[in-house]
């Protein structure tokens, strides 16, 4: 499975770049969502709901963005599925890694 895959130095560079770009996309979407919700807030209760939502979103993103090589295949599949990562950014990874990502995406699509 993915935890046994070896990562070359060039693959590590590709992975880090793709990971960082996906994180930037996720943060941008989160900020845009926050601004929209904040601009629509009219009560203290609205503010508390935004705060709670952001806290949960931060936890979700911290869990999703796990840069351990043993987890990256699953992480990349999740990032693609959530729209944070363009699969083209993974060009440069070995075919076996890209196949693994594809298998996780296909498995998830069947669920």
N, C-alpha and C. Protein backbone atom coordinates (compact mmCIF):
# COMPACT_ATOMS: atom_id res chain seq x y z
N UNK A 1 0.84 -1.19 0.00
CA UNK A 1 0.00 0.00 0.00
C UNK A 1 0.88 1.24 0.00
N UNK A 2 0.29 2.39 0.06
CA UNK A 2 1.00 3.65 -0.13
C UNK A 2 2.10 3.89 0.90
N UNK A 3 1.99 3.35 2.09
CA UNK A 3 3.00 3.61 3.11
C UNK A 3 4.33 2.97 2.79
N UNK A 4 4.37 2.02 1.85
CA UNK A 4 5.60 1.33 1.50
C UNK A 4 6.30 1.93 0.29
N UNK A 5 5.75 2.97 -0.29
CA UNK A 5 6.33 3.56 -1.49
C UNK A 5 7.56 4.38 -1.13
N UNK A 6 8.56 4.29 -1.98
CA UNK A 6 9.77 5.10 -1.82
C UNK A 6 9.60 6.40 -2.60
N UNK A 7 10.10 7.47 -2.05
CA UNK A 7 9.99 8.79 -2.68
C UNK A 7 11.39 9.28 -3.06
N UNK A 8 11.61 9.50 -4.36
CA UNK A 8 12.89 10.04 -4.81
C UNK A 8 12.95 11.52 -4.43
N UNK A 9 14.15 12.10 -4.51
CA UNK A 9 14.27 13.52 -4.16
C UNK A 9 13.47 14.38 -5.13
N UNK A 10 13.44 14.02 -6.41
CA UNK A 10 12.65 14.82 -7.36
C UNK A 10 11.15 14.68 -7.07
N UNK A 11 10.70 13.49 -6.67
CA UNK A 11 9.29 13.29 -6.31
C UNK A 11 8.94 14.08 -5.05
N UNK A 12 9.86 14.13 -4.13
CA UNK A 12 9.62 14.90 -2.91
C UNK A 12 9.42 16.38 -3.23
N UNK A 13 10.17 16.90 -4.21
CA UNK A 13 10.01 18.30 -4.61
C UNK A 13 8.66 18.52 -5.27
N UNK A 14 8.26 17.60 -6.15
CA UNK A 14 6.96 17.69 -6.81
C UNK A 14 5.85 17.62 -5.75
N UNK A 15 5.98 16.68 -4.83
CA UNK A 15 4.97 16.49 -3.78
C UNK A 15 4.85 17.74 -2.91
N UNK A 16 5.97 18.30 -2.51
CA UNK A 16 5.94 19.49 -1.65
C UNK A 16 5.30 20.67 -2.38
N UNK A 17 5.66 20.85 -3.64
CA UNK A 17 5.09 21.94 -4.42
C UNK A 17 3.58 21.78 -4.57
N UNK A 18 3.14 20.58 -4.92
CA UNK A 18 1.70 20.32 -5.09
C UNK A 18 0.97 20.50 -3.76
N UNK A 19 1.54 20.00 -2.69
CA UNK A 19 0.95 20.11 -1.36
C UNK A 19 0.79 21.59 -0.99
N UNK A 20 1.86 22.36 -1.18
CA UNK A 20 1.83 23.78 -0.82
C UNK A 20 0.80 24.54 -1.65
N UNK A 21 0.69 24.22 -2.94
CA UNK A 21 -0.30 24.89 -3.78
C UNK A 21 -1.71 24.52 -3.35
N UNK A 22 -1.93 23.27 -3.01
CA UNK A 22 -3.25 22.84 -2.53
C UNK A 22 -3.60 23.55 -1.22
N UNK A 23 -2.64 23.68 -0.35
CA UNK A 23 -2.86 24.38 0.92
C UNK A 23 -3.23 25.84 0.66
N UNK A 24 -2.55 26.46 -0.29
CA UNK A 24 -2.86 27.84 -0.66
C UNK A 24 -4.29 27.96 -1.18
N UNK A 25 -4.71 27.00 -2.01
CA UNK A 25 -6.08 27.00 -2.54
C UNK A 25 -7.08 26.84 -1.40
N UNK A 26 -6.82 25.89 -0.51
CA UNK A 26 -7.73 25.64 0.61
C UNK A 26 -7.83 26.87 1.51
N UNK A 27 -6.71 27.48 1.79
CA UNK A 27 -6.73 28.68 2.63
C UNK A 27 -7.47 29.82 1.93
N UNK A 28 -7.28 29.96 0.63
CA UNK A 28 -7.99 30.99 -0.12
C UNK A 28 -9.49 30.78 -0.10
N UNK A 29 -9.91 29.53 -0.29
CA UNK A 29 -11.35 29.24 -0.26
C UNK A 29 -11.91 29.48 1.14
N UNK A 30 -11.14 29.12 2.16
CA UNK A 30 -11.58 29.33 3.53
C UNK A 30 -11.72 30.81 3.83
N UNK A 31 -10.75 31.59 3.40
CA UNK A 31 -10.81 33.04 3.64
C UNK A 31 -12.00 33.66 2.91
N UNK A 32 -12.22 33.25 1.67
CA UNK A 32 -13.36 33.78 0.91
C UNK A 32 -14.68 33.43 1.60
N UNK A 33 -14.78 32.20 2.07
CA UNK A 33 -16.00 31.78 2.78
C UNK A 33 -16.18 32.59 4.06
N UNK A 34 -15.08 32.79 4.79
CA UNK A 34 -15.15 33.59 6.01
C UNK A 34 -15.62 35.02 5.72
N UNK A 35 -15.05 35.65 4.71
CA UNK A 35 -15.42 37.02 4.37
C UNK A 35 -16.89 37.11 4.00
N UNK A 36 -17.37 36.13 3.25
CA UNK A 36 -18.78 36.13 2.85
C UNK A 36 -19.67 36.00 4.08
N UNK A 37 -19.36 35.03 4.93
CA UNK A 37 -20.18 34.82 6.13
C UNK A 37 -20.11 36.03 7.05
N UNK A 38 -18.92 36.60 7.20
CA UNK A 38 -18.77 37.76 8.09
C UNK A 38 -19.54 38.96 7.56
N UNK A 39 -19.55 39.14 6.24
CA UNK A 39 -20.27 40.28 5.68
C UNK A 39 -21.78 40.11 5.83
N UNK A 40 -22.24 38.88 5.94
CA UNK A 40 -23.67 38.61 6.10
C UNK A 40 -24.11 38.56 7.56
N UNK A 41 -23.15 38.55 8.47
CA UNK A 41 -23.48 38.45 9.89
C UNK A 41 -24.15 39.74 10.37
N UNK A 42 -25.21 39.56 11.15
CA UNK A 42 -25.92 40.72 11.68
C UNK A 42 -26.10 40.66 13.19
N UNK A 43 -25.80 39.51 13.77
CA UNK A 43 -25.99 39.36 15.22
C UNK A 43 -24.76 38.74 15.86
N UNK A 44 -24.71 38.86 17.16
CA UNK A 44 -23.65 38.22 17.93
C UNK A 44 -23.71 36.71 17.73
N UNK A 45 -24.90 36.17 17.64
CA UNK A 45 -25.08 34.74 17.41
C UNK A 45 -24.48 34.32 16.07
N UNK A 46 -24.66 35.16 15.05
CA UNK A 46 -24.04 34.88 13.75
C UNK A 46 -22.53 34.80 13.88
N UNK A 47 -21.97 35.71 14.65
CA UNK A 47 -20.53 35.74 14.85
C UNK A 47 -20.05 34.46 15.53
N UNK A 48 -20.79 34.01 16.52
CA UNK A 48 -20.42 32.78 17.22
C UNK A 48 -20.51 31.57 16.29
N UNK A 49 -21.52 31.54 15.44
CA UNK A 49 -21.65 30.45 14.47
C UNK A 49 -20.46 30.43 13.51
N UNK A 50 -20.04 31.61 13.08
CA UNK A 50 -18.88 31.71 12.20
C UNK A 50 -17.63 31.20 12.92
N UNK A 51 -17.48 31.62 14.15
CA UNK A 51 -16.33 31.19 14.94
C UNK A 51 -16.30 29.67 15.08
N UNK A 52 -17.43 29.08 15.41
CA UNK A 52 -17.52 27.62 15.56
C UNK A 52 -17.23 26.92 14.23
N UNK A 53 -17.78 27.45 13.16
CA UNK A 53 -17.55 26.87 11.84
C UNK A 53 -16.07 26.93 11.47
N UNK A 54 -15.43 28.07 11.71
CA UNK A 54 -14.01 28.22 11.39
C UNK A 54 -13.15 27.29 12.23
N UNK A 55 -13.50 27.12 13.48
CA UNK A 55 -12.75 26.22 14.35
C UNK A 55 -12.81 24.79 13.80
N UNK A 56 -14.00 24.36 13.40
CA UNK A 56 -14.16 23.01 12.86
C UNK A 56 -13.43 22.89 11.52
N UNK A 57 -13.54 23.91 10.70
CA UNK A 57 -12.87 23.89 9.40
C UNK A 57 -11.36 23.82 9.58
N UNK A 58 -10.83 24.57 10.54
CA UNK A 58 -9.39 24.51 10.82
C UNK A 58 -8.97 23.12 11.24
N UNK A 59 -9.75 22.47 12.09
CA UNK A 59 -9.45 21.09 12.50
C UNK A 59 -9.45 20.16 11.29
N UNK A 60 -10.46 20.31 10.44
CA UNK A 60 -10.57 19.46 9.26
C UNK A 60 -9.36 19.65 8.34
N UNK A 61 -8.96 20.90 8.13
CA UNK A 61 -7.82 21.17 7.26
C UNK A 61 -6.52 20.66 7.87
N UNK A 62 -6.37 20.82 9.17
CA UNK A 62 -5.16 20.31 9.83
C UNK A 62 -5.07 18.79 9.70
N UNK A 63 -6.20 18.13 9.77
CA UNK A 63 -6.22 16.68 9.63
C UNK A 63 -5.96 16.28 8.18
N UNK A 64 -6.55 17.00 7.23
CA UNK A 64 -6.40 16.69 5.82
C UNK A 64 -4.98 16.93 5.33
N UNK A 65 -4.37 18.03 5.72
CA UNK A 65 -3.05 18.39 5.23
C UNK A 65 -1.97 17.75 6.10
N UNK A 66 -1.77 16.47 5.88
CA UNK A 66 -0.83 15.65 6.64
C UNK A 66 0.35 15.33 5.73
N UNK A 67 1.46 16.03 5.92
CA UNK A 67 2.61 15.83 5.03
C UNK A 67 3.56 14.78 5.58
N UNK A 68 3.07 13.58 5.68
CA UNK A 68 3.93 12.43 5.97
C UNK A 68 3.92 11.58 4.72
N UNK A 69 5.10 11.17 4.28
CA UNK A 69 5.17 10.42 3.03
C UNK A 69 4.31 9.17 3.07
N UNK A 70 4.14 8.59 4.23
CA UNK A 70 3.30 7.40 4.35
C UNK A 70 1.82 7.70 4.12
N UNK A 71 1.46 8.98 4.17
CA UNK A 71 0.05 9.38 4.02
C UNK A 71 -0.22 10.17 2.74
N UNK A 72 0.81 10.58 2.03
CA UNK A 72 0.63 11.52 0.93
C UNK A 72 -0.27 11.00 -0.19
N UNK A 73 -0.24 9.72 -0.49
CA UNK A 73 -1.08 9.20 -1.56
C UNK A 73 -2.56 9.45 -1.21
N UNK A 74 -2.93 9.12 0.00
CA UNK A 74 -4.31 9.34 0.46
C UNK A 74 -4.61 10.83 0.54
N UNK A 75 -3.67 11.60 1.02
CA UNK A 75 -3.85 13.05 1.13
C UNK A 75 -4.07 13.65 -0.26
N UNK A 76 -3.23 13.28 -1.21
CA UNK A 76 -3.39 13.83 -2.56
C UNK A 76 -4.73 13.43 -3.17
N UNK A 77 -5.14 12.20 -2.98
CA UNK A 77 -6.45 11.78 -3.50
C UNK A 77 -7.56 12.62 -2.86
N UNK A 78 -7.48 12.84 -1.57
CA UNK A 78 -8.49 13.65 -0.87
C UNK A 78 -8.48 15.09 -1.35
N UNK A 79 -7.30 15.64 -1.56
CA UNK A 79 -7.19 17.02 -2.02
C UNK A 79 -7.75 17.19 -3.42
N UNK A 80 -7.52 16.21 -4.28
CA UNK A 80 -8.09 16.25 -5.63
C UNK A 80 -9.61 16.18 -5.54
N UNK A 81 -10.09 15.24 -4.75
CA UNK A 81 -11.54 15.04 -4.61
C UNK A 81 -12.23 16.29 -4.07
N UNK A 82 -11.58 17.00 -3.17
CA UNK A 82 -12.18 18.20 -2.56
C UNK A 82 -11.98 19.46 -3.42
N UNK A 83 -11.26 19.31 -4.52
CA UNK A 83 -11.07 20.45 -5.41
C UNK A 83 -9.94 21.39 -5.00
N UNK A 84 -9.08 20.95 -4.12
CA UNK A 84 -7.96 21.78 -3.68
C UNK A 84 -6.70 21.56 -4.52
N UNK A 85 -6.65 20.44 -5.25
CA UNK A 85 -5.44 20.08 -5.97
C UNK A 85 -5.77 19.67 -7.40
N UNK A 86 -5.08 20.28 -8.33
CA UNK A 86 -5.17 19.88 -9.74
C UNK A 86 -4.22 18.70 -9.93
N UNK A 87 -4.75 17.61 -10.42
CA UNK A 87 -3.97 16.38 -10.58
C UNK A 87 -2.73 16.59 -11.45
N UNK A 88 -2.77 17.56 -12.34
CA UNK A 88 -1.62 17.84 -13.21
C UNK A 88 -0.40 18.27 -12.41
N UNK A 89 -0.63 18.82 -11.22
CA UNK A 89 0.50 19.25 -10.39
C UNK A 89 1.30 18.06 -9.87
N UNK A 90 0.77 16.86 -10.04
CA UNK A 90 1.47 15.66 -9.59
C UNK A 90 2.31 15.03 -10.69
N UNK A 91 2.33 15.67 -11.88
CA UNK A 91 3.22 15.19 -12.93
C UNK A 91 4.64 15.23 -12.38
N UNK A 92 5.36 14.17 -12.56
CA UNK A 92 6.69 14.05 -11.98
C UNK A 92 6.74 12.98 -10.92
N UNK A 93 5.56 12.56 -10.43
CA UNK A 93 5.51 11.40 -9.54
C UNK A 93 5.55 10.14 -10.39
N UNK A 94 6.05 9.09 -9.83
CA UNK A 94 6.11 7.82 -10.56
C UNK A 94 4.71 7.33 -10.90
N UNK A 95 4.64 6.50 -11.92
CA UNK A 95 3.35 5.98 -12.36
C UNK A 95 2.68 5.17 -11.25
N UNK A 96 3.48 4.43 -10.45
CA UNK A 96 2.87 3.63 -9.37
C UNK A 96 2.19 4.52 -8.34
N UNK A 97 2.75 5.67 -8.05
CA UNK A 97 2.12 6.60 -7.10
C UNK A 97 0.85 7.19 -7.69
N UNK A 98 0.92 7.58 -8.95
CA UNK A 98 -0.26 8.14 -9.60
C UNK A 98 -1.36 7.09 -9.74
N UNK A 99 -0.97 5.85 -9.98
CA UNK A 99 -1.96 4.76 -10.03
C UNK A 99 -2.62 4.57 -8.66
N UNK A 100 -1.83 4.63 -7.61
CA UNK A 100 -2.39 4.50 -6.24
C UNK A 100 -3.38 5.63 -5.96
N UNK A 101 -3.02 6.83 -6.34
CA UNK A 101 -3.93 7.97 -6.15
C UNK A 101 -5.22 7.71 -6.91
N UNK A 102 -5.10 7.25 -8.14
CA UNK A 102 -6.27 6.93 -8.96
C UNK A 102 -7.14 5.86 -8.32
N UNK A 103 -6.52 4.85 -7.72
CA UNK A 103 -7.28 3.80 -7.04
C UNK A 103 -8.06 4.36 -5.85
N UNK A 104 -7.43 5.24 -5.08
CA UNK A 104 -8.14 5.85 -3.95
C UNK A 104 -9.30 6.71 -4.45
N UNK A 105 -9.09 7.45 -5.52
CA UNK A 105 -10.17 8.26 -6.08
C UNK A 105 -11.31 7.39 -6.57
N UNK A 106 -10.99 6.31 -7.26
CA UNK A 106 -12.02 5.39 -7.78
C UNK A 106 -12.76 4.72 -6.63
N UNK A 107 -12.02 4.30 -5.62
CA UNK A 107 -12.65 3.66 -4.46
C UNK A 107 -13.62 4.62 -3.80
N UNK A 108 -13.19 5.84 -3.62
CA UNK A 108 -14.05 6.83 -2.95
C UNK A 108 -15.29 7.13 -3.79
N UNK A 109 -15.13 7.16 -5.11
CA UNK A 109 -16.28 7.43 -5.99
C UNK A 109 -17.33 6.34 -5.88
N UNK A 110 -16.91 5.12 -5.56
CA UNK A 110 -17.85 4.01 -5.42
C UNK A 110 -18.56 4.02 -4.07
N UNK A 111 -18.03 4.74 -3.12
CA UNK A 111 -18.60 4.74 -1.76
C UNK A 111 -19.85 5.60 -1.66
